[in-house]
């Protein structure tokens, strides 16, 4: 009944524009593979660094690839895709297809690294590919769906985010349980890591191909195609378009940038220090004990998989809430749950009880991956969706970049090199993000259907 109401139109014109629930699933299915890759970045890359001898205090700096490539690649890809039409592929699909191919190659090669510098280089390649695929996917939803369905489109991406990252994390635990994969290679990397990365390589390209071949982009009119072709092209033009969009950015997006500063700084702390925190609170161990630390890595995969299962499920509940309440209220409430979760998380010594606070974290992750985009798309012009989605990603990666440059010293000299303190600091930052979310000045009554 809910979905029937959600897809009901008040006019014949709207009915013709609306997509079915199945069509929205298929168009977003590629996000599943992209997020599987992202899930491995969250959970498996930092343990690989540790297996190769990197100390915990160096983890933030070693993760610089994520924010730097996101800062550079996504806005440029967004601006370029706004000025692109390649028949019969369309405007956005060529970019996330190329990105998915790069992800698959990087995931296949990643577990074969033999030195720390090789792992860092491979992360850069993987992140460039992920960003190339992810940015146009946001604009793809905004381009393809009518305004009344954009909310469910973005929250469908939240659902596939949960599903993809869940599979990535659970696969780590699954392969780690196989006795014949528990040995390590000459570099100290367990063979069970290989299975997760190989599976990710298949999921990345396979799921994107399903979306590419099942969903066509709306072809612009002859006049629009002529205008696109007449526009100047190239990197310089794309950069100029980015700076112009930043100059003209609506006030709500500027306020959203402050929310993202605290929110994404905190999330990067969690992903980097979840395994060290669990290893300390549950196993009381460090990476020096590869056996026990390997168990902590696998259990972190289950914990992260669990919160992404919650993300998958709660995305539907957020669809309902976002129809009834302003998007900023829904998001502030969800982020508050994550703040509470991380304040509790490092004090739990029973590995099974770790799943309880992660329920709140999973609800917040569903909101983070969908609800803020409702605020954004209500404020920006449709013809500039690509460049503004890239700018929104800059709001994500700049806090991450700041975190990689600053948190290593904070961890060593302020937090006493204690992963428990790192987790609690992330909880405080998420609480601040919730407060600033409520201060965003949005359109009156903004919700899933953008109704006043």
Protein backbone atom coordinates (compact mmCIF):
# COMPACT_ATOMS: atom_id res chain seq x y z
CA UNK A 1 0.00 0.00 0.00
CA UNK A 2 2.85 2.38 0.84
CA UNK A 3 4.51 1.89 -2.53
CA UNK A 4 1.22 2.25 -4.36
CA UNK A 5 0.70 5.61 -2.67
CA UNK A 6 4.30 6.62 -3.31
CA UNK A 7 4.03 6.01 -7.03
CA UNK A 8 0.53 7.44 -7.50
CA UNK A 9 0.34 10.49 -9.81
CA UNK A 10 -2.27 13.24 -9.93
CA UNK A 11 -2.06 13.86 -13.66
CA UNK A 12 -1.59 11.91 -16.88
CA UNK A 13 1.61 13.83 -17.60
CA UNK A 14 3.09 12.84 -14.24
CA UNK A 15 1.99 9.23 -14.74
CA UNK A 16 3.97 9.09 -17.98
CA UNK A 17 7.07 10.36 -16.24
CA UNK A 18 6.88 8.11 -13.20
CA UNK A 19 8.99 4.94 -13.10
CA UNK A 20 7.92 1.62 -11.60
CA UNK A 21 9.48 0.29 -8.41
CA UNK A 22 11.23 -2.44 -10.43
CA UNK A 23 12.72 0.14 -12.80
CA UNK A 24 14.07 2.17 -9.88
CA UNK A 25 15.64 -0.97 -8.42
CA UNK A 26 17.34 -1.83 -11.72
CA UNK A 27 18.63 1.68 -12.36
CA UNK A 28 20.24 1.74 -8.90
CA UNK A 29 21.51 -1.84 -8.89
CA UNK A 30 24.97 -0.75 -10.04
CA UNK A 31 25.30 1.13 -6.76
CA UNK A 32 25.43 -2.29 -5.08
CA UNK A 33 28.75 -3.19 -6.72
CA UNK A 34 30.21 0.27 -6.19
CA UNK A 35 29.38 0.07 -2.49
CA UNK A 36 30.82 -3.46 -2.19
CA UNK A 37 34.10 -1.91 -3.25
CA UNK A 38 33.60 0.92 -0.77
CA UNK A 39 32.85 -1.63 1.96
CA UNK A 40 36.19 -3.33 1.41
CA UNK A 41 37.87 0.07 1.64
CA UNK A 42 36.14 0.64 4.99
CA UNK A 43 37.01 -2.69 6.56
CA UNK A 44 39.80 -4.50 4.72
CA UNK A 45 42.29 -1.89 3.50
CA UNK A 46 43.44 -0.64 6.90
CA UNK A 47 44.00 -4.20 8.22
CA UNK A 48 46.08 -4.87 5.09
CA UNK A 49 48.16 -1.83 6.01
CA UNK A 50 48.54 -3.25 9.51
CA UNK A 51 49.50 -6.70 8.20
CA UNK A 52 52.20 -4.95 6.13
CA UNK A 53 53.59 -3.26 9.25
CA UNK A 54 51.92 0.19 9.36
CA UNK A 55 51.40 1.58 12.92
CA UNK A 56 47.89 2.77 13.91
CA UNK A 57 49.01 6.39 14.10
CA UNK A 58 49.89 6.32 10.38
CA UNK A 59 46.47 5.02 9.25
CA UNK A 60 44.86 8.46 8.72
CA UNK A 61 47.70 9.62 6.45
CA UNK A 62 47.74 6.34 4.53
CA UNK A 63 44.05 6.89 3.73
CA UNK A 64 44.64 10.22 2.03
CA UNK A 65 43.73 8.70 -1.34
CA UNK A 66 40.02 8.82 -0.47
CA UNK A 67 39.63 12.53 0.20
CA UNK A 68 42.17 13.72 -2.38
CA UNK A 69 40.75 11.74 -5.29
CA UNK A 70 37.21 12.59 -4.24
CA UNK A 71 38.08 16.28 -4.07
CA UNK A 72 39.60 16.26 -7.55
CA UNK A 73 37.81 13.54 -9.49
CA UNK A 74 34.13 13.86 -8.53
CA UNK A 75 33.54 17.55 -9.27
CA UNK A 76 35.46 17.29 -12.56
CA UNK A 77 33.51 14.19 -13.62
CA UNK A 78 30.28 15.93 -12.60
CA UNK A 79 31.04 19.02 -14.66
CA UNK A 80 32.17 16.95 -17.65
CA UNK A 81 29.08 14.73 -17.55
CA UNK A 82 26.81 17.79 -17.54
CA UNK A 83 28.33 18.67 -20.92
CA UNK A 84 28.29 15.15 -22.37
CA UNK A 85 25.94 13.15 -24.54
CA UNK A 86 27.34 10.00 -26.15
CA UNK A 87 24.74 8.17 -28.24
CA UNK A 88 23.49 5.56 -27.44
CA UNK A 89 25.12 5.46 -23.99
CA UNK A 90 23.88 8.78 -22.68
CA UNK A 91 25.28 11.38 -20.31
CA UNK A 92 26.12 9.63 -17.02
CA UNK A 93 26.34 5.92 -17.85
CA UNK A 94 29.68 6.08 -19.73
CA UNK A 95 31.37 7.47 -16.64
CA UNK A 96 30.14 4.95 -14.09
CA UNK A 97 30.82 2.11 -16.53
CA UNK A 98 34.45 3.22 -16.92
CA UNK A 99 34.72 3.61 -13.14
CA UNK A 100 33.34 0.12 -12.53
CA UNK A 101 35.88 -1.43 -14.89
CA UNK A 102 38.68 0.34 -13.00
CA UNK A 103 37.28 -0.85 -9.65
CA UNK A 104 37.16 -4.45 -10.80
CA UNK A 105 40.77 -4.42 -11.98
CA UNK A 106 41.99 -2.75 -8.76
CA UNK A 107 40.06 -5.14 -6.51
CA UNK A 108 41.46 -8.16 -8.32
CA UNK A 109 45.05 -6.93 -7.96
CA UNK A 110 44.84 -5.46 -4.43
CA UNK A 111 45.51 -8.61 -2.30
CA UNK A 112 48.62 -9.35 -4.37
CA UNK A 113 50.54 -6.33 -3.07
CA UNK A 114 53.89 -7.15 -1.46
CA UNK A 115 54.80 -3.84 0.20
CA UNK A 116 53.07 -0.97 1.98
CA UNK A 117 53.75 1.50 -0.84
CA UNK A 118 52.08 -0.88 -3.30
CA UNK A 119 48.97 -1.10 -1.11
CA UNK A 120 48.82 2.70 -0.91
CA UNK A 121 49.17 3.00 -4.70
CA UNK A 122 46.45 0.41 -5.26
CA UNK A 123 44.11 2.31 -2.93
CA UNK A 124 44.64 5.43 -5.03
CA UNK A 125 43.71 3.55 -8.21
CA UNK A 126 40.68 1.98 -6.53
CA UNK A 127 39.47 5.29 -5.14
CA UNK A 128 39.84 7.13 -8.44
CA UNK A 129 37.72 4.44 -10.07
CA UNK A 130 35.13 4.49 -7.27
CA UNK A 131 34.76 8.25 -7.52
CA UNK A 132 34.45 8.14 -11.30
CA UNK A 133 31.58 5.68 -10.93
CA UNK A 134 29.82 7.15 -7.89
CA UNK A 135 29.49 10.84 -8.77
CA UNK A 136 27.49 10.51 -12.01
CA UNK A 137 25.28 7.90 -10.32
CA UNK A 138 23.87 10.61 -8.03
CA UNK A 139 23.16 12.86 -11.01
CA UNK A 140 21.78 9.85 -12.95
CA UNK A 141 18.98 9.51 -10.39
CA UNK A 142 18.24 13.23 -10.43
CA UNK A 143 18.22 13.27 -14.25
CA UNK A 144 16.09 10.19 -14.79
CA UNK A 145 13.44 10.33 -12.07
CA UNK A 146 10.69 12.95 -11.84
CA UNK A 147 10.92 15.24 -8.84
CA UNK A 148 8.30 13.31 -6.85
CA UNK A 149 10.39 10.12 -7.07
CA UNK A 150 13.86 11.51 -6.48
CA UNK A 151 13.57 10.88 -2.75
CA UNK A 152 12.91 7.18 -3.19
CA UNK A 153 15.66 7.05 -5.82
CA UNK A 154 18.27 8.39 -3.41
CA UNK A 155 17.02 6.20 -0.57
CA UNK A 156 17.13 3.19 -2.91
CA UNK A 157 20.82 3.97 -3.22
CA UNK A 158 20.95 3.90 0.58
CA UNK A 159 19.38 0.44 0.46
CA UNK A 160 21.95 -0.83 -2.04
CA UNK A 161 24.70 0.83 -0.03
CA UNK A 162 23.64 -1.30 2.92
CA UNK A 163 23.40 -4.45 0.82
CA UNK A 164 26.74 -3.97 -0.95
CA UNK A 165 28.76 -3.06 2.12
CA UNK A 166 27.08 -5.87 4.08
CA UNK A 167 28.17 -8.46 1.55
CA UNK A 168 31.70 -7.03 1.50
CA UNK A 169 32.02 -7.20 5.27
CA UNK A 170 30.32 -10.55 5.76
CA UNK A 171 32.49 -12.04 3.03
CA UNK A 172 35.58 -11.24 5.12
CA UNK A 173 34.19 -13.32 7.99
CA UNK A 174 32.97 -16.07 5.67
CA UNK A 175 36.29 -16.59 3.92
CA UNK A 176 38.20 -16.24 7.20
CA UNK A 177 36.35 -19.31 8.55
CA UNK A 178 37.78 -21.54 5.79
CA UNK A 179 40.73 -23.42 7.23
CA UNK A 180 42.58 -23.73 3.92
CA UNK A 181 42.58 -19.91 3.58
CA UNK A 182 43.91 -19.10 7.07
CA UNK A 183 47.55 -19.22 6.03
CA UNK A 184 49.35 -16.00 5.07
CA UNK A 185 51.38 -15.13 2.01
CA UNK A 186 55.00 -13.98 2.09
CA UNK A 187 53.85 -10.39 2.73
CA UNK A 188 51.81 -11.34 5.79
CA UNK A 189 48.39 -10.97 4.13
CA UNK A 190 46.00 -13.87 4.90
CA UNK A 191 44.68 -15.77 1.91
CA UNK A 192 41.09 -15.30 3.07
CA UNK A 193 41.42 -11.65 2.03
CA UNK A 194 41.76 -12.78 -1.58
CA UNK A 195 38.25 -14.24 -1.72
CA UNK A 196 36.55 -11.02 -0.66
CA UNK A 197 38.45 -8.91 -3.17
CA UNK A 198 37.88 -11.35 -6.04
CA UNK A 199 34.15 -11.42 -5.28
CA UNK A 200 34.16 -7.62 -5.21
CA UNK A 201 35.75 -7.47 -8.65
CA UNK A 202 32.88 -9.56 -10.04
CA UNK A 203 30.16 -7.59 -8.23
CA UNK A 204 31.54 -4.22 -9.27
CA UNK A 205 31.39 -4.70 -13.01
CA UNK A 206 28.45 -7.14 -13.02
CA UNK A 207 25.98 -4.94 -11.13
CA UNK A 208 26.87 -1.81 -13.11
CA UNK A 209 26.34 -3.66 -16.40
CA UNK A 210 22.82 -4.59 -15.23
CA UNK A 211 22.00 -0.92 -14.66
CA UNK A 212 23.64 0.22 -17.89
CA UNK A 213 21.70 -2.22 -20.06
CA UNK A 214 18.37 -2.07 -18.20
CA UNK A 215 17.99 1.72 -17.89
CA UNK A 216 18.21 4.24 -20.68
CA UNK A 217 18.82 7.91 -20.11
CA UNK A 218 16.29 10.38 -21.41
CA UNK A 219 17.59 11.71 -24.67
CA UNK A 220 17.70 15.51 -24.75
CA UNK A 221 15.85 17.38 -27.47
CA UNK A 222 17.68 18.27 -30.65
CA UNK A 223 18.00 21.82 -29.34
CA UNK A 224 19.50 20.61 -26.05
CA UNK A 225 21.97 18.31 -27.86
CA UNK A 226 22.99 21.19 -30.09
CA UNK A 227 23.52 23.36 -27.01
CA UNK A 228 25.63 20.65 -25.34
CA UNK A 229 27.76 20.27 -28.46
CA UNK A 230 28.15 24.03 -28.75
CA UNK A 231 29.39 24.40 -25.19
CA UNK A 232 33.15 24.72 -24.75
CA UNK A 233 34.72 21.55 -23.39
CA UNK A 234 37.87 20.52 -21.60
CA UNK A 235 39.34 20.49 -18.13
CA UNK A 236 39.65 24.27 -17.91
CA UNK A 237 35.98 24.77 -18.71
CA UNK A 238 34.98 22.11 -16.16
CA UNK A 239 37.04 23.83 -13.46
CA UNK A 240 35.51 27.21 -14.33
CA UNK A 241 32.05 25.67 -14.07
CA UNK A 242 32.91 24.27 -10.62
CA UNK A 243 34.09 27.64 -9.30
CA UNK A 244 31.02 29.36 -10.77
CA UNK A 245 28.71 26.87 -9.08
CA UNK A 246 30.49 27.33 -5.74
CA UNK A 247 30.07 31.08 -6.06
CA UNK A 248 26.33 30.69 -6.74
CA UNK A 249 25.80 27.95 -4.13
CA UNK A 250 22.48 28.25 -2.22
CA UNK A 251 22.62 29.04 1.51
CA UNK A 252 21.21 25.64 2.49
CA UNK A 253 24.13 23.90 0.80
CA UNK A 254 26.62 26.13 2.62
CA UNK A 255 24.97 25.15 5.90
CA UNK A 256 25.02 21.50 4.83
CA UNK A 257 28.79 21.84 4.33
CA UNK A 258 29.19 22.60 8.06
CA UNK A 259 27.19 19.49 8.93
CA UNK A 260 29.38 17.42 6.63
CA UNK A 261 32.55 18.79 8.25
CA UNK A 262 31.72 17.11 11.57
CA UNK A 263 29.84 14.15 10.12
CA UNK A 264 32.45 12.88 7.67
CA UNK A 265 35.44 13.62 9.89
CA UNK A 266 33.77 11.36 12.46
CA UNK A 267 32.94 8.60 9.98
CA UNK A 268 36.53 8.45 8.75
CA UNK A 269 37.67 8.00 12.36
CA UNK A 270 35.27 5.09 12.79
CA UNK A 271 36.36 3.26 9.62
CA UNK A 272 40.04 3.65 10.45
CA UNK A 273 39.83 2.67 14.11
CA UNK A 274 36.94 0.19 14.33
CA UNK A 275 39.25 -2.81 14.10
CA UNK A 276 41.85 -1.47 16.59
CA UNK A 277 38.99 -0.58 18.96
CA UNK A 278 37.42 -4.04 18.78
CA UNK A 279 40.84 -5.70 19.04
CA UNK A 280 41.49 -3.73 22.24
CA UNK A 281 38.08 -3.97 23.92
CA UNK A 282 37.26 -7.60 23.06
CA UNK A 283 40.55 -9.41 22.33
CA UNK A 284 42.96 -7.09 24.18
CA UNK A 285 45.43 -7.47 21.31
CA UNK A 286 47.37 -5.50 18.68
CA UNK A 287 48.43 -6.21 15.07
CA UNK A 288 51.57 -7.89 16.42
CA UNK A 289 49.46 -10.98 17.16
CA UNK A 290 48.29 -11.76 13.63
CA UNK A 291 46.01 -14.61 14.72
CA UNK A 292 43.99 -12.68 17.28
CA UNK A 293 44.07 -9.49 15.25
CA UNK A 294 42.82 -11.46 12.25
CA UNK A 295 39.85 -12.56 14.37
CA UNK A 296 39.22 -8.91 15.25
CA UNK A 297 39.34 -7.97 11.55
CA UNK A 298 36.82 -10.67 10.68
CA UNK A 299 34.54 -9.66 13.56
CA UNK A 300 34.74 -6.01 12.47
CA UNK A 301 33.49 -7.25 9.12
CA UNK A 302 30.48 -8.80 10.82
CA UNK A 303 29.82 -5.66 12.89
CA UNK A 304 30.04 -3.47 9.80
CA UNK A 305 27.95 -5.95 7.86
CA UNK A 306 25.32 -5.81 10.59
CA UNK A 307 24.99 -2.03 10.58
CA UNK A 308 24.66 -2.15 6.80
CA UNK A 309 21.86 -4.72 7.11
CA UNK A 310 20.18 -2.18 9.38
CA UNK A 311 20.85 0.43 6.68
CA UNK A 312 19.20 -1.79 4.07
CA UNK A 313 16.09 -2.24 6.22
CA UNK A 314 15.82 1.24 7.71
CA UNK A 315 16.05 2.95 4.30
CA UNK A 316 12.40 2.00 3.79
CA UNK A 317 11.43 3.47 7.15
CA UNK A 318 13.27 6.67 6.30
CA UNK A 319 11.23 6.88 3.08
CA UNK A 320 8.08 7.01 5.21
CA UNK A 321 9.52 9.50 7.72
CA UNK A 322 10.84 11.76 4.99
CA UNK A 323 7.32 11.95 3.53
CA UNK A 324 5.93 13.22 6.86
CA UNK A 325 8.69 15.36 8.33
CA UNK A 326 11.31 17.83 7.04
CA UNK A 327 14.43 16.14 5.74
CA UNK A 328 16.67 18.00 8.18
CA UNK A 329 14.68 16.71 11.18
CA UNK A 330 14.89 13.12 9.95
CA UNK A 331 18.62 13.42 9.33
CA UNK A 332 19.37 15.08 12.68
CA UNK A 333 17.55 12.30 14.53
CA UNK A 334 19.38 9.58 12.63
CA UNK A 335 22.82 11.11 13.15
CA UNK A 336 22.10 11.47 16.88
CA UNK A 337 21.65 7.69 17.04
CA UNK A 338 25.11 7.22 15.54
CA UNK A 339 26.61 9.63 18.07
CA UNK A 340 25.19 7.60 20.94
CA UNK A 341 26.40 4.37 19.31
CA UNK A 342 30.03 5.46 19.07
CA UNK A 343 30.09 6.83 22.60
CA UNK A 344 29.05 3.38 23.86
CA UNK A 345 30.92 1.18 21.36
CA UNK A 346 34.50 1.16 22.80
CA UNK A 347 33.30 0.23 26.29
CA UNK A 348 31.75 -3.09 25.24
CA UNK A 349 33.92 -6.16 25.89
CA UNK A 350 31.38 -8.79 24.79
CA UNK A 351 31.76 -9.18 21.03
CA UNK A 352 28.08 -10.05 20.59
CA UNK A 353 26.87 -6.91 22.36
CA UNK A 354 28.76 -4.77 19.83
CA UNK A 355 25.86 -5.30 17.45
CA UNK A 356 23.42 -3.40 19.68
CA UNK A 357 24.77 0.17 19.33
CA UNK A 358 25.43 -0.47 15.64
CA UNK A 359 21.66 -0.48 15.06
CA UNK A 360 21.71 3.28 15.59
CA UNK A 361 24.79 3.64 13.41
CA UNK A 362 23.07 1.72 10.61
CA UNK A 363 20.00 3.99 10.71
CA UNK A 364 22.29 7.00 10.51
CA UNK A 365 24.23 5.54 7.58
CA UNK A 366 20.97 5.05 5.65
CA UNK A 367 20.14 8.69 6.24
CA UNK A 368 23.64 9.92 5.39
CA UNK A 369 23.55 8.15 2.03
CA UNK A 370 20.15 9.50 1.03
CA UNK A 371 18.40 12.20 3.03
CA UNK A 372 20.86 15.12 2.60
CA UNK A 373 20.45 14.82 -1.15
CA UNK A 374 16.76 15.71 -0.72
CA UNK A 375 17.89 19.00 0.78
CA UNK A 376 20.33 19.56 -2.07
CA UNK A 377 18.15 18.71 -5.07
CA UNK A 378 15.40 21.04 -3.82
CA UNK A 379 17.85 23.95 -3.96
CA UNK A 380 19.85 23.46 -7.18
CA UNK A 381 18.86 23.82 -10.86
CA UNK A 382 18.30 20.54 -12.70
CA UNK A 383 20.70 21.41 -15.54
CA UNK A 384 23.56 21.70 -13.01
CA UNK A 385 22.90 18.50 -11.07
CA UNK A 386 26.20 16.96 -12.18
CA UNK A 387 28.48 19.77 -11.04
CA UNK A 388 26.61 20.29 -7.77
CA UNK A 389 26.72 16.58 -6.93
CA UNK A 390 30.46 16.87 -7.41
CA UNK A 391 30.58 19.88 -5.10
CA UNK A 392 28.57 18.00 -2.48
CA UNK A 393 31.20 15.31 -2.69
CA UNK A 394 33.83 17.99 -2.07
CA UNK A 395 31.94 18.72 1.16
CA UNK A 396 32.44 15.03 2.02
CA UNK A 397 36.08 14.63 1.09
CA UNK A 398 37.45 17.92 2.47
CA UNK A 399 36.60 16.84 6.06
CA UNK A 400 38.19 13.48 5.25
CA UNK A 401 41.31 15.23 3.97
CA UNK A 402 41.46 17.36 7.11
CA UNK A 403 41.09 14.19 9.17
CA UNK A 404 43.93 12.39 7.38
CA UNK A 405 46.24 15.38 7.94
CA UNK A 406 45.32 16.10 11.56
CA UNK A 407 43.98 13.06 13.35
CA UNK A 408 47.22 11.05 13.42
CA UNK A 409 48.82 13.67 15.68
CA UNK A 410 45.60 14.04 17.70
CA UNK A 411 45.50 10.26 18.17
CA UNK A 412 49.13 10.03 19.30
CA UNK A 413 49.44 13.18 21.43
CA UNK A 414 45.93 14.05 22.61
CA UNK A 415 44.08 10.74 22.76
CA UNK A 416 47.00 8.74 24.11
CA UNK A 417 47.16 6.36 21.11
CA UNK A 418 43.99 4.79 22.47
CA UNK A 419 41.45 3.58 19.86
CA UNK A 420 38.69 3.76 22.48
CA UNK A 421 39.24 7.50 22.78
CA UNK A 422 39.18 7.77 18.98
CA UNK A 423 35.73 6.16 18.89
CA UNK A 424 34.35 8.49 21.56
CA UNK A 425 35.72 11.58 19.81
CA UNK A 426 33.85 10.47 16.69
CA UNK A 427 30.66 10.22 18.75
CA UNK A 428 31.06 13.81 19.97
CA UNK A 429 31.59 15.07 16.42
CA UNK A 430 28.44 13.28 15.20
CA UNK A 431 26.44 14.91 18.00
CA UNK A 432 27.63 18.32 16.76
CA UNK A 433 26.65 17.35 13.20
CA UNK A 434 23.09 16.60 14.41
CA UNK A 435 22.84 20.03 16.08
CA UNK A 436 24.00 21.90 12.96
CA UNK A 437 21.63 19.86 10.76
CA UNK A 438 18.66 21.38 12.59
CA UNK A 439 20.01 24.86 11.80
CA UNK A 440 19.83 24.36 8.01
CA UNK A 441 17.33 26.75 6.44
CA UNK A 442 15.37 24.63 3.95
CA UNK A 443 12.26 25.21 1.93
CA UNK A 444 9.14 25.08 4.10
CA UNK A 445 7.84 21.53 4.46
CA UNK A 446 10.55 19.99 2.31
CA UNK A 447 10.14 16.21 2.29
CA UNK A 448 10.37 13.17 0.05
CA UNK A 449 7.91 14.55 -2.46
CA UNK A 450 9.16 18.14 -2.23
CA UNK A 451 5.70 19.31 -1.34
CA UNK A 452 5.18 22.69 0.30
